[in-house]
Amino acid sequence: MKLATSYFYQIRNFKPYMIPFSTAMYDPDWFHDYQSIKHNFLDKNEVVNGLRISELVPNKDCANLCHGTDFCLESGPNECDFLKTYQRQLEEINYDKMIMKLQVICDRVQRQLRFKEEPIAVFMVYEVPSKLCSERQIIHKVMNEKGYYIEELKYPIKEYYL
């Protein structure tokens, strides 16, 4: 299993072996087919939608700490209380346990959908890669420091992920 990040808009371009896991406090309604947050479904491209990775969802300590894009543009992401708090949260995760959980889910999806490609667990955020004020940079930083290689999916998404 490989690890990557992307943003919700790109799911429409995913292949079945790219398994999106939301890291958002609040997912887009369409990500759960306008049903409950626990609802998973296959979209028209046979990509599973609705999975969440609770360990990476910002916890209650992060609530109301984001001061918006203007603040980040003026002060920079290193001054963002939300991102600093989120980083502390991520540093406390048991990554071995989280990765095992992801592997079990990805293996199950692979068996059910019968694709031959190696699954990619894709952690989903709202922001595009060029936006520095995003959880994605913290996810990359901490996971790489913990020894789990992760990168942004390359766009446009092509078959070279096989």
N, C-alpha and C. Protein backbone atom coordinates (compact mmCIF):
# COMPACT_ATOMS: atom_id res chain seq x y z
N MET A 1 0.84 -1.17 0.00
CA MET A 1 0.00 0.00 0.00
C MET A 1 0.89 1.24 0.00
N LYS A 2 0.56 2.17 -0.89
CA LYS A 2 1.25 3.45 -0.94
C LYS A 2 0.39 4.48 -0.20
N LEU A 3 1.00 5.60 0.15
CA LEU A 3 0.31 6.69 0.83
C LEU A 3 0.44 7.96 0.01
N ALA A 4 -0.65 8.73 -0.04
CA ALA A 4 -0.63 9.99 -0.78
C ALA A 4 -1.64 10.94 -0.18
N THR A 5 -1.58 12.19 -0.61
CA THR A 5 -2.61 13.18 -0.29
C THR A 5 -3.19 13.70 -1.59
N SER A 6 -4.39 14.23 -1.49
CA SER A 6 -5.05 14.88 -2.61
C SER A 6 -6.15 15.76 -2.03
N TYR A 7 -6.95 16.33 -2.90
CA TYR A 7 -8.06 17.16 -2.44
C TYR A 7 -9.35 16.64 -3.06
N PHE A 8 -10.45 16.93 -2.35
CA PHE A 8 -11.74 16.32 -2.69
C PHE A 8 -12.12 16.47 -4.16
N TYR A 9 -11.85 17.60 -4.76
CA TYR A 9 -12.23 17.81 -6.16
C TYR A 9 -11.66 16.72 -7.07
N GLN A 10 -10.49 16.23 -6.75
CA GLN A 10 -9.80 15.27 -7.62
C GLN A 10 -10.39 13.87 -7.59
N ILE A 11 -11.24 13.55 -6.62
CA ILE A 11 -11.79 12.19 -6.55
C ILE A 11 -12.45 11.81 -7.87
N ARG A 12 -13.02 12.76 -8.56
CA ARG A 12 -13.67 12.45 -9.85
C ARG A 12 -12.69 11.87 -10.86
N ASN A 13 -11.38 12.03 -10.64
CA ASN A 13 -10.37 11.51 -11.55
C ASN A 13 -9.67 10.26 -11.03
N PHE A 14 -10.04 9.80 -9.84
CA PHE A 14 -9.39 8.65 -9.23
C PHE A 14 -9.72 7.37 -9.99
N LYS A 15 -8.83 6.41 -9.82
CA LYS A 15 -9.02 5.04 -10.28
C LYS A 15 -9.44 4.21 -9.05
N PRO A 16 -10.05 3.03 -9.23
CA PRO A 16 -10.51 2.25 -8.08
C PRO A 16 -9.43 1.93 -7.05
N TYR A 17 -8.16 1.81 -7.46
CA TYR A 17 -7.09 1.50 -6.51
C TYR A 17 -6.64 2.73 -5.70
N MET A 18 -7.17 3.90 -6.02
CA MET A 18 -6.90 5.12 -5.24
C MET A 18 -8.05 5.26 -4.25
N ILE A 19 -7.78 4.94 -3.00
CA ILE A 19 -8.84 4.85 -1.99
C ILE A 19 -8.81 6.10 -1.13
N PRO A 20 -9.80 6.99 -1.30
CA PRO A 20 -9.80 8.25 -0.55
C PRO A 20 -10.27 8.07 0.90
N PHE A 21 -9.53 8.69 1.81
CA PHE A 21 -9.88 8.72 3.23
C PHE A 21 -9.95 10.18 3.65
N SER A 22 -11.10 10.62 4.09
CA SER A 22 -11.24 12.01 4.51
C SER A 22 -10.45 12.27 5.78
N THR A 23 -9.81 13.44 5.82
CA THR A 23 -9.14 13.92 7.03
C THR A 23 -9.85 15.17 7.55
N ALA A 24 -10.99 15.48 6.97
CA ALA A 24 -11.68 16.73 7.27
C ALA A 24 -12.59 16.62 8.49
N MET A 25 -12.74 17.73 9.19
CA MET A 25 -13.71 17.78 10.28
C MET A 25 -15.11 17.54 9.73
N TYR A 26 -15.39 18.17 8.60
CA TYR A 26 -16.71 18.06 7.97
C TYR A 26 -16.50 17.73 6.50
N ASP A 27 -16.96 16.55 6.11
CA ASP A 27 -16.81 16.11 4.72
C ASP A 27 -17.83 16.79 3.83
N PRO A 28 -17.54 16.89 2.53
CA PRO A 28 -18.57 17.35 1.59
C PRO A 28 -19.73 16.35 1.62
N ASP A 29 -20.94 16.84 1.52
CA ASP A 29 -22.12 15.96 1.57
C ASP A 29 -22.07 14.88 0.50
N TRP A 30 -21.59 15.23 -0.70
CA TRP A 30 -21.56 14.25 -1.78
C TRP A 30 -20.62 13.09 -1.48
N PHE A 31 -19.62 13.29 -0.59
CA PHE A 31 -18.65 12.25 -0.26
C PHE A 31 -19.33 11.06 0.43
N HIS A 32 -20.50 11.29 1.00
CA HIS A 32 -21.30 10.24 1.64
C HIS A 32 -22.62 10.04 0.90
N ASP A 33 -22.67 10.45 -0.36
CA ASP A 33 -23.86 10.31 -1.20
C ASP A 33 -25.08 10.96 -0.53
N TYR A 34 -24.83 12.09 0.13
CA TYR A 34 -25.88 12.88 0.79
C TYR A 34 -26.62 12.07 1.86
N GLN A 35 -25.92 11.12 2.46
CA GLN A 35 -26.50 10.32 3.53
C GLN A 35 -25.68 10.55 4.80
N SER A 36 -25.72 9.63 5.73
CA SER A 36 -25.02 9.82 7.00
C SER A 36 -23.51 9.77 6.80
N ILE A 37 -22.78 10.29 7.76
CA ILE A 37 -21.32 10.35 7.68
C ILE A 37 -20.70 8.94 7.66
N LYS A 38 -21.46 7.95 8.06
CA LYS A 38 -20.96 6.57 8.06
C LYS A 38 -21.23 5.84 6.75
N HIS A 39 -21.89 6.53 5.82
CA HIS A 39 -22.27 5.89 4.56
C HIS A 39 -21.11 5.88 3.57
N ASN A 40 -20.81 4.70 3.04
CA ASN A 40 -19.79 4.51 2.00
C ASN A 40 -20.50 4.03 0.74
N PHE A 41 -19.96 4.37 -0.40
CA PHE A 41 -20.55 3.92 -1.65
C PHE A 41 -19.51 3.95 -2.76
N LEU A 42 -19.82 3.27 -3.86
CA LEU A 42 -18.97 3.31 -5.05
C LEU A 42 -19.51 4.37 -5.99
N ASP A 43 -18.63 5.27 -6.45
CA ASP A 43 -19.08 6.27 -7.41
C ASP A 43 -19.08 5.67 -8.82
N LYS A 44 -19.37 6.47 -9.82
CA LYS A 44 -19.48 5.97 -11.19
C LYS A 44 -18.17 5.41 -11.74
N ASN A 45 -17.03 5.78 -11.12
CA ASN A 45 -15.73 5.26 -11.53
C ASN A 45 -15.28 4.06 -10.70
N GLU A 46 -16.20 3.55 -9.86
CA GLU A 46 -15.91 2.42 -8.98
C GLU A 46 -14.87 2.77 -7.91
N VAL A 47 -14.88 4.04 -7.48
CA VAL A 47 -14.01 4.49 -6.40
C VAL A 47 -14.86 4.54 -5.13
N VAL A 48 -14.35 3.96 -4.06
CA VAL A 48 -15.06 3.99 -2.79
C VAL A 48 -15.03 5.42 -2.26
N ASN A 49 -16.19 5.93 -1.89
CA ASN A 49 -16.31 7.25 -1.25
C ASN A 49 -16.90 7.04 0.14
N GLY A 50 -16.57 7.92 1.07
CA GLY A 50 -17.17 7.91 2.39
C GLY A 50 -16.28 7.40 3.50
N LEU A 51 -15.07 6.94 3.18
CA LEU A 51 -14.17 6.45 4.23
C LEU A 51 -13.50 7.65 4.91
N ARG A 52 -13.26 7.49 6.22
CA ARG A 52 -12.61 8.53 7.00
C ARG A 52 -11.45 7.90 7.78
N ILE A 53 -10.41 8.68 8.01
CA ILE A 53 -9.30 8.23 8.85
C ILE A 53 -9.30 9.11 10.10
N SER A 54 -9.97 8.61 11.14
CA SER A 54 -10.25 9.42 12.33
C SER A 54 -8.98 9.97 12.98
N GLU A 55 -7.88 9.23 12.92
CA GLU A 55 -6.64 9.71 13.54
C GLU A 55 -6.17 11.03 12.94
N LEU A 56 -6.47 11.27 11.67
CA LEU A 56 -6.00 12.49 11.01
C LEU A 56 -7.05 13.61 10.97
N VAL A 57 -8.23 13.35 11.48
CA VAL A 57 -9.25 14.39 11.54
C VAL A 57 -8.88 15.34 12.69
N PRO A 58 -8.81 16.64 12.42
CA PRO A 58 -8.48 17.58 13.51
C PRO A 58 -9.41 17.39 14.70
N ASN A 59 -8.82 17.32 15.89
CA ASN A 59 -9.62 17.09 17.10
C ASN A 59 -10.20 18.39 17.64
N LYS A 60 -10.89 18.29 18.75
CA LYS A 60 -11.60 19.45 19.33
C LYS A 60 -10.65 20.57 19.71
N ASP A 61 -9.39 20.26 19.99
CA ASP A 61 -8.43 21.31 20.32
C ASP A 61 -8.17 22.24 19.14
N CYS A 62 -8.44 21.77 17.94
CA CYS A 62 -8.22 22.56 16.72
C CYS A 62 -9.42 23.46 16.39
N ALA A 63 -10.55 23.20 17.03
CA ALA A 63 -11.78 23.91 16.69
C ALA A 63 -11.60 25.42 16.85
N ASN A 64 -12.07 26.15 15.86
CA ASN A 64 -12.10 27.62 15.85
C ASN A 64 -10.72 28.28 15.90
N LEU A 65 -9.66 27.54 15.56
CA LEU A 65 -8.33 28.13 15.58
C LEU A 65 -7.90 28.69 14.23
N CYS A 66 -8.57 28.30 13.16
CA CYS A 66 -8.22 28.80 11.84
C CYS A 66 -8.74 30.23 11.69
N HIS A 67 -7.84 31.13 11.31
CA HIS A 67 -8.21 32.55 11.15
C HIS A 67 -8.38 32.93 9.68
N GLY A 68 -8.38 31.93 8.81
CA GLY A 68 -8.66 32.19 7.40
C GLY A 68 -7.44 32.44 6.56
N THR A 69 -7.69 32.47 5.26
CA THR A 69 -6.63 32.62 4.27
C THR A 69 -5.88 33.93 4.41
N ASP A 70 -6.60 35.02 4.68
CA ASP A 70 -5.93 36.33 4.80
C ASP A 70 -4.87 36.31 5.90
N PHE A 71 -5.19 35.70 7.03
CA PHE A 71 -4.24 35.62 8.13
C PHE A 71 -2.99 34.86 7.68
N CYS A 72 -3.20 33.72 7.00
CA CYS A 72 -2.06 32.92 6.54
C CYS A 72 -1.22 33.67 5.51
N LEU A 73 -1.88 34.42 4.63
CA LEU A 73 -1.14 35.19 3.63
C LEU A 73 -0.29 36.26 4.30
N GLU A 74 -0.82 36.88 5.34
CA GLU A 74 -0.09 37.95 6.05
C GLU A 74 0.98 37.39 6.98
N SER A 75 0.62 36.39 7.77
CA SER A 75 1.51 35.89 8.82
C SER A 75 2.31 34.66 8.43
N GLY A 76 1.80 33.91 7.48
CA GLY A 76 2.44 32.66 7.07
C GLY A 76 1.90 31.47 7.84
N PRO A 77 1.95 30.30 7.25
CA PRO A 77 1.38 29.11 7.88
C PRO A 77 2.08 28.72 9.18
N ASN A 78 3.35 29.13 9.36
CA ASN A 78 4.05 28.79 10.60
C ASN A 78 3.48 29.52 11.81
N GLU A 79 2.70 30.55 11.59
CA GLU A 79 2.09 31.31 12.69
C GLU A 79 0.64 30.89 12.93
N CYS A 80 0.16 29.91 12.22
CA CYS A 80 -1.23 29.49 12.31
C CYS A 80 -1.44 28.60 13.54
N ASP A 81 -2.27 29.05 14.47
CA ASP A 81 -2.56 28.27 15.68
C ASP A 81 -3.18 26.92 15.34
N PHE A 82 -4.04 26.90 14.33
CA PHE A 82 -4.67 25.65 13.92
C PHE A 82 -3.60 24.64 13.48
N LEU A 83 -2.71 25.05 12.59
CA LEU A 83 -1.71 24.12 12.08
C LEU A 83 -0.72 23.68 13.16
N LYS A 84 -0.38 24.57 14.08
CA LYS A 84 0.52 24.19 15.18
C LYS A 84 -0.16 23.15 16.09
N THR A 85 -1.43 23.38 16.39
CA THR A 85 -2.17 22.45 17.24
C THR A 85 -2.37 21.12 16.53
N TYR A 86 -2.67 21.18 15.24
CA TYR A 86 -2.86 19.97 14.45
C TYR A 86 -1.56 19.16 14.39
N GLN A 87 -0.43 19.82 14.25
CA GLN A 87 0.85 19.11 14.24
C GLN A 87 1.08 18.38 15.56
N ARG A 88 0.79 19.04 16.69
CA ARG A 88 0.94 18.38 17.99
C ARG A 88 0.06 17.13 18.05
N GLN A 89 -1.16 17.23 17.51
CA GLN A 89 -2.07 16.09 17.48
C GLN A 89 -1.45 14.94 16.68
N LEU A 90 -0.93 15.25 15.50
CA LEU A 90 -0.37 14.21 14.64
C LEU A 90 0.87 13.56 15.23
N GLU A 91 1.63 14.31 16.00
CA GLU A 91 2.84 13.75 16.61
C GLU A 91 2.53 12.70 17.67
N GLU A 92 1.30 12.66 18.16
CA GLU A 92 0.89 11.71 19.20
C GLU A 92 0.29 10.41 18.66
N ILE A 93 0.11 10.31 17.36
CA ILE A 93 -0.54 9.15 16.75
C ILE A 93 0.37 7.93 16.79
N ASN A 94 -0.23 6.78 17.01
CA ASN A 94 0.48 5.51 16.87
C ASN A 94 0.39 5.14 15.38
N TYR A 95 1.41 5.50 14.61
CA TYR A 95 1.37 5.32 13.16
C TYR A 95 1.38 3.86 12.74
N ASP A 96 2.09 3.01 13.49
CA ASP A 96 2.08 1.59 13.14
C ASP A 96 0.65 1.05 13.18
N LYS A 97 -0.07 1.38 14.23
CA LYS A 97 -1.46 0.92 14.38
C LYS A 97 -2.34 1.52 13.27
N MET A 98 -2.19 2.80 12.98
CA MET A 98 -2.99 3.46 11.95
C MET A 98 -2.73 2.83 10.58
N ILE A 99 -1.46 2.58 10.27
CA ILE A 99 -1.10 2.00 8.97
C ILE A 99 -1.65 0.58 8.86
N MET A 100 -1.62 -0.18 9.93
CA MET A 100 -2.20 -1.54 9.90
C MET A 100 -3.70 -1.47 9.61
N LYS A 101 -4.37 -0.52 10.24
CA LYS A 101 -5.81 -0.35 10.02
C LYS A 101 -6.08 0.01 8.56
N LEU A 102 -5.31 0.94 8.01
CA LEU A 102 -5.45 1.32 6.61
C LEU A 102 -5.20 0.14 5.68
N GLN A 103 -4.17 -0.66 6.01
CA GLN A 103 -3.83 -1.81 5.17
C GLN A 103 -5.00 -2.81 5.13
N VAL A 104 -5.62 -3.05 6.26
CA VAL A 104 -6.76 -3.97 6.31
C VAL A 104 -7.89 -3.45 5.43
N ILE A 105 -8.19 -2.17 5.52
CA ILE A 105 -9.26 -1.58 4.71
C ILE A 105 -8.91 -1.64 3.22
N CYS A 106 -7.69 -1.25 2.88
CA CYS A 106 -7.27 -1.26 1.48
C CYS A 106 -7.28 -2.68 0.91
N ASP A 107 -6.83 -3.66 1.70
CA ASP A 107 -6.86 -5.05 1.24
C ASP A 107 -8.29 -5.51 0.98
N ARG A 108 -9.20 -5.14 1.87
CA ARG A 108 -10.61 -5.51 1.71
C ARG A 108 -11.19 -4.88 0.45
N VAL A 109 -10.91 -3.61 0.22
CA VAL A 109 -11.40 -2.93 -0.99
C VAL A 109 -10.81 -3.60 -2.23
N GLN A 110 -9.54 -3.92 -2.18
CA GLN A 110 -8.90 -4.57 -3.33
C GLN A 110 -9.55 -5.92 -3.63
N ARG A 111 -9.82 -6.72 -2.61
CA ARG A 111 -10.48 -8.02 -2.82
C ARG A 111 -11.88 -7.84 -3.40
N GLN A 112 -12.63 -6.87 -2.84
CA GLN A 112 -14.01 -6.68 -3.28
C GLN A 112 -14.10 -6.13 -4.70
N LEU A 113 -13.22 -5.20 -5.05
CA LEU A 113 -13.27 -4.59 -6.38
C LEU A 113 -12.41 -5.34 -7.39
N ARG A 114 -11.58 -6.25 -6.91
CA ARG A 114 -10.76 -7.12 -7.77
C ARG A 114 -9.83 -6.36 -8.71
N PHE A 115 -9.22 -5.29 -8.22
CA PHE A 115 -8.20 -4.63 -9.03
C PHE A 115 -6.84 -5.24 -8.69
N LYS A 116 -5.94 -5.22 -9.64
CA LYS A 116 -4.62 -5.84 -9.48
C LYS A 116 -3.56 -4.85 -8.99
N GLU A 117 -3.81 -3.57 -9.15
CA GLU A 117 -2.83 -2.55 -8.78
C GLU A 117 -2.65 -2.49 -7.26
N GLU A 118 -1.48 -2.01 -6.85
CA GLU A 118 -1.25 -1.79 -5.43
C GLU A 118 -2.15 -0.64 -4.96
N PRO A 119 -2.89 -0.84 -3.87
CA PRO A 119 -3.76 0.25 -3.40
C PRO A 119 -2.95 1.47 -2.95
N ILE A 120 -3.54 2.63 -3.16
CA ILE A 120 -2.99 3.88 -2.65
C ILE A 120 -4.02 4.45 -1.67
N ALA A 121 -3.66 4.55 -0.40
CA ALA A 121 -4.51 5.21 0.59
C ALA A 121 -4.26 6.71 0.43
N VAL A 122 -5.31 7.43 0.04
CA VAL A 122 -5.17 8.85 -0.27
C VAL A 122 -5.88 9.67 0.81
N PHE A 123 -5.12 10.47 1.53
CA PHE A 123 -5.68 11.32 2.57
C PHE A 123 -6.20 12.60 1.93
N MET A 124 -7.49 12.86 2.11
CA MET A 124 -8.18 13.94 1.43
C MET A 124 -8.27 15.20 2.29
N VAL A 125 -7.96 16.34 1.67
CA VAL A 125 -8.14 17.65 2.28
C VAL A 125 -8.94 18.51 1.30
N TYR A 126 -9.33 19.68 1.72
CA TYR A 126 -10.10 20.57 0.84
C TYR A 126 -9.23 21.40 -0.09
N GLU A 127 -8.06 21.81 0.40
CA GLU A 127 -7.26 22.80 -0.32
C GLU A 127 -6.45 22.19 -1.45
N VAL A 128 -6.21 23.01 -2.47
CA VAL A 128 -5.34 22.60 -3.58
C VAL A 128 -3.89 22.57 -3.07
N PRO A 129 -3.01 21.81 -3.74
CA PRO A 129 -1.63 21.67 -3.27
C PRO A 129 -0.87 22.98 -3.14
N SER A 130 -1.18 23.97 -3.95
CA SER A 130 -0.44 25.23 -3.90
C SER A 130 -0.79 26.09 -2.68
N LYS A 131 -1.86 25.76 -2.00
CA LYS A 131 -2.25 26.54 -0.82
C LYS A 131 -1.45 26.06 0.39
N LEU A 132 -0.57 26.92 0.87
CA LEU A 132 0.32 26.54 1.96
C LEU A 132 -0.39 26.36 3.29
N CYS A 133 -1.49 27.04 3.47
CA CYS A 133 -2.24 26.94 4.73
C CYS A 133 -3.20 25.75 4.60
N SER A 134 -2.67 24.57 4.79
CA SER A 134 -3.43 23.33 4.60
C SER A 134 -2.89 22.26 5.52
N GLU A 135 -3.75 21.36 5.94
CA GLU A 135 -3.33 20.23 6.76
C GLU A 135 -2.33 19.35 6.01
N ARG A 136 -2.38 19.36 4.69
CA ARG A 136 -1.55 18.47 3.87
C ARG A 136 -0.06 18.62 4.22
N GLN A 137 0.43 19.87 4.37
CA GLN A 137 1.85 20.07 4.67
C GLN A 137 2.22 19.44 6.01
N ILE A 138 1.33 19.54 6.99
CA ILE A 138 1.60 18.96 8.31
C ILE A 138 1.56 17.44 8.23
N ILE A 139 0.60 16.90 7.50
CA ILE A 139 0.51 15.45 7.32
C ILE A 139 1.80 14.94 6.68
N HIS A 140 2.26 15.59 5.63
CA HIS A 140 3.50 15.18 4.97
C HIS A 140 4.68 15.25 5.93
N LYS A 141 4.81 16.38 6.60
CA LYS A 141 5.96 16.61 7.49
C LYS A 141 6.04 15.55 8.57
N VAL A 142 4.94 15.36 9.30
CA VAL A 142 4.97 14.45 10.44
C VAL A 142 5.10 13.00 9.98
N MET A 143 4.35 12.60 8.96
CA MET A 143 4.43 11.21 8.53
C MET A 143 5.81 10.87 7.97
N ASN A 144 6.41 11.78 7.22
CA ASN A 144 7.76 11.53 6.71
C ASN A 144 8.77 11.46 7.85
N GLU A 145 8.60 12.32 8.87
CA GLU A 145 9.48 12.27 10.04
C GLU A 145 9.34 10.94 10.79
N LYS A 146 8.14 10.38 10.78
CA LYS A 146 7.88 9.11 11.47
C LYS A 146 8.27 7.90 10.62
N GLY A 147 8.76 8.16 9.40
CA GLY A 147 9.24 7.08 8.55
C GLY A 147 8.23 6.52 7.57
N TYR A 148 7.12 7.22 7.37
CA TYR A 148 6.09 6.78 6.42
C TYR A 148 6.09 7.74 5.24
N TYR A 149 6.62 7.27 4.11
CA TYR A 149 6.73 8.12 2.93
C TYR A 149 5.35 8.42 2.35
N ILE A 150 5.09 9.69 2.15
CA ILE A 150 3.83 10.14 1.59
C ILE A 150 4.11 11.32 0.68
N GLU A 151 3.34 11.41 -0.40
CA GLU A 151 3.49 12.52 -1.33
C GLU A 151 2.13 12.89 -1.90
N GLU A 152 2.07 14.02 -2.55
CA GLU A 152 0.85 14.45 -3.25
C GLU A 152 0.69 13.64 -4.52
N LEU A 153 -0.54 13.21 -4.82
CA LEU A 153 -0.78 12.59 -6.12
C LEU A 153 -0.41 13.59 -7.19
N LYS A 154 0.14 13.11 -8.27
CA LYS A 154 0.52 13.99 -9.38
C LYS A 154 -0.68 14.20 -10.29
N TYR A 155 -0.80 15.40 -10.81
CA TYR A 155 -1.94 15.76 -11.66
C TYR A 155 -1.44 16.14 -13.05
N PRO A 156 -2.14 15.85 -14.11
CA PRO A 156 -3.37 15.06 -14.08
C PRO A 156 -3.06 13.61 -13.70
N ILE A 157 -4.02 12.97 -13.07
CA ILE A 157 -3.85 11.59 -12.64
C ILE A 157 -3.79 10.70 -13.88
N LYS A 158 -2.73 9.91 -13.94
CA LYS A 158 -2.52 9.04 -15.11
C LYS A 158 -2.29 7.63 -14.63
N GLU A 159 -2.11 6.75 -15.55
CA GLU A 159 -1.90 5.34 -15.23
C GLU A 159 -0.51 5.05 -14.66
N TYR A 160 0.39 6.06 -14.57
CA TYR A 160 1.74 5.76 -14.10
C TYR A 160 1.77 5.43 -12.61
N TYR A 161 0.62 5.46 -11.94
CA TYR A 161 0.57 5.04 -10.55
C TYR A 161 0.49 3.53 -10.41
N LEU A 162 0.56 2.82 -11.49
CA LEU A 162 0.48 1.35 -11.42
C LEU A 162 1.74 0.76 -10.85
